[in-house]
Amino acid sequence: RLVRAAEGGDVLSMIRLGRRLLFHPGGGESHSRRAAHYFRRAHDLGCVRGTAYLGLFYCRGVPGRRNSANRVKGVYYLTLSAERGSAFAAFLLSGLLSSGRNCLASASSTRTASA
């Protein structure tokens, strides 16, 4: 039922399904890829929470490709979502700042260069 709603274009269902897939224990890379697919679709439909979860996905690290470029991409999407009013994304960014993650400065310079 949730899959049908997500496939039908319901952004809240896309986010719920993406979260289930992303945080499912033992889900592996295929679940992560499917989660990213639903977060990306929600983002493409203008959902700021979908943008925030897409950022969280990249910040956590793409399975098999955990690197600073993906973290920078994650911070980019979190910043975009926070700028559009997402308190959730702002909370996640504050966690990155307080933990001293090194990718925030790089993401800031990337956003400035692309603007």
Protein backbone atom coordinates (compact mmCIF):
# COMPACT_ATOMS: atom_id res chain seq x y z
CA ARG A 1 0.00 0.00 0.00
CA LEU A 2 2.82 2.42 0.89
CA VAL A 3 4.74 1.48 -2.26
CA ARG A 4 1.61 2.03 -4.36
CA ALA A 5 1.08 5.49 -2.84
CA ALA A 6 4.74 6.44 -3.33
CA GLU A 7 4.68 5.22 -6.92
CA GLY A 8 1.47 7.18 -7.41
CA GLY A 9 3.25 10.43 -6.57
CA ASP A 10 2.44 10.94 -2.88
CA VAL A 11 5.54 12.68 -1.49
CA LEU A 12 4.85 11.80 2.15
CA SER A 13 4.66 8.14 1.18
CA MET A 14 7.93 8.53 -0.73
CA ILE A 15 9.60 9.87 2.41
CA ARG A 16 8.10 7.18 4.67
CA LEU A 17 9.15 4.43 2.30
CA GLY A 18 12.61 5.94 1.84
CA ARG A 19 13.09 6.12 5.61
CA ARG A 20 12.01 2.51 6.05
CA LEU A 21 14.45 1.41 3.38
CA LEU A 22 17.33 3.56 4.62
CA PHE A 23 17.05 2.63 8.29
CA HIS A 24 16.04 -1.02 7.81
CA PRO A 25 18.58 -3.21 9.60
CA GLY A 26 20.48 -5.37 7.16
CA GLY A 27 18.89 -3.69 4.15
CA GLY A 28 22.15 -3.36 2.31
CA GLU A 29 23.05 -1.39 -0.76
CA SER A 30 19.88 -2.17 -2.74
CA HIS A 31 17.69 -0.73 0.03
CA SER A 32 19.90 2.35 0.20
CA ARG A 33 19.63 2.89 -3.55
CA ARG A 34 15.85 2.55 -3.44
CA ALA A 35 15.69 4.97 -0.48
CA ALA A 36 17.73 7.53 -2.41
CA HIS A 37 15.40 7.07 -5.40
CA TYR A 38 12.34 7.99 -3.32
CA PHE A 39 14.08 10.90 -1.59
CA ARG A 40 15.22 12.21 -4.98
CA ARG A 41 11.67 11.95 -6.38
CA ALA A 42 10.26 13.83 -3.38
CA HIS A 43 12.97 16.47 -3.82
CA ASP A 44 12.23 16.77 -7.54
CA LEU A 45 8.56 17.33 -6.67
CA GLY A 46 9.54 20.27 -4.44
CA CYS A 47 9.28 18.62 -1.02
CA VAL A 48 11.81 20.22 1.36
CA ARG A 49 11.71 17.22 3.69
CA GLY A 50 12.60 15.02 0.72
CA THR A 51 15.53 17.34 0.04
CA ALA A 52 16.61 17.06 3.69
CA TYR A 53 16.49 13.25 3.63
CA LEU A 54 18.43 13.23 0.37
CA GLY A 55 21.07 15.31 2.15
CA LEU A 56 21.04 12.95 5.12
CA PHE A 57 21.46 10.01 2.76
CA TYR A 58 24.61 11.54 1.24
CA CYS A 59 26.01 12.68 4.62
CA ARG A 60 25.64 9.17 6.02
CA GLY A 61 27.55 7.91 3.04
CA VAL A 62 26.53 6.06 -0.07
CA PRO A 63 27.31 2.38 0.58
CA GLY A 64 30.55 1.52 -1.17
CA ARG A 65 31.25 5.20 -1.88
CA ARG A 66 31.70 6.88 1.48
CA ASN A 67 33.85 9.87 0.62
CA SER A 68 34.08 13.59 1.19
CA ALA A 69 32.47 14.41 -2.18
CA ASN A 70 29.27 12.65 -1.12
CA ARG A 71 29.34 14.38 2.27
CA VAL A 72 29.70 17.73 0.51
CA LYS A 73 26.73 16.82 -1.68
CA GLY A 74 24.80 15.92 1.47
CA VAL A 75 25.55 19.25 3.10
CA TYR A 76 24.51 20.99 -0.12
CA TYR A 77 21.06 19.35 -0.02
CA LEU A 78 20.69 19.94 3.73
CA THR A 79 21.56 23.62 3.26
CA LEU A 80 19.14 23.93 0.37
CA SER A 81 16.38 22.38 2.47
CA ALA A 82 17.17 24.56 5.50
CA GLU A 83 17.15 27.68 3.33
CA ARG A 84 13.67 26.67 2.18
CA GLY A 85 12.44 26.46 5.76
CA SER A 86 13.15 22.92 6.95
CA ALA A 87 13.81 22.90 10.69
CA PHE A 88 14.76 19.23 10.34
CA ALA A 89 17.56 20.10 7.88
CA ALA A 90 18.70 22.99 10.09
CA PHE A 91 18.87 20.58 13.04
CA LEU A 92 20.96 18.11 11.03
CA LEU A 93 23.31 20.89 9.90
CA SER A 94 23.74 22.07 13.48
CA GLY A 95 24.72 18.52 14.41
CA LEU A 96 27.37 18.52 11.70
CA LEU A 97 28.70 21.86 12.92
CA SER A 98 28.85 20.77 16.55
CA SER A 99 30.60 17.52 15.63
CA GLY A 100 33.26 19.46 13.74
CA ARG A 101 32.71 17.65 10.44
CA ASN A 102 35.15 19.01 7.90
CA CYS A 103 32.79 19.03 4.92
CA LEU A 104 30.83 22.19 5.79
CA ALA A 105 33.46 24.65 4.50
CA SER A 106 33.80 22.72 1.25
CA ALA A 107 30.04 22.69 0.71
CA SER A 108 29.82 26.41 1.36
CA SER A 109 32.47 27.16 -1.26
CA THR A 110 30.76 24.78 -3.72
CA ARG A 111 27.41 26.58 -3.28
CA THR A 112 29.06 29.98 -3.72
CA ALA A 113 30.81 28.87 -6.90
CA SER A 114 27.62 27.45 -8.41
CA ALA A 115 25.49 30.52 -7.61
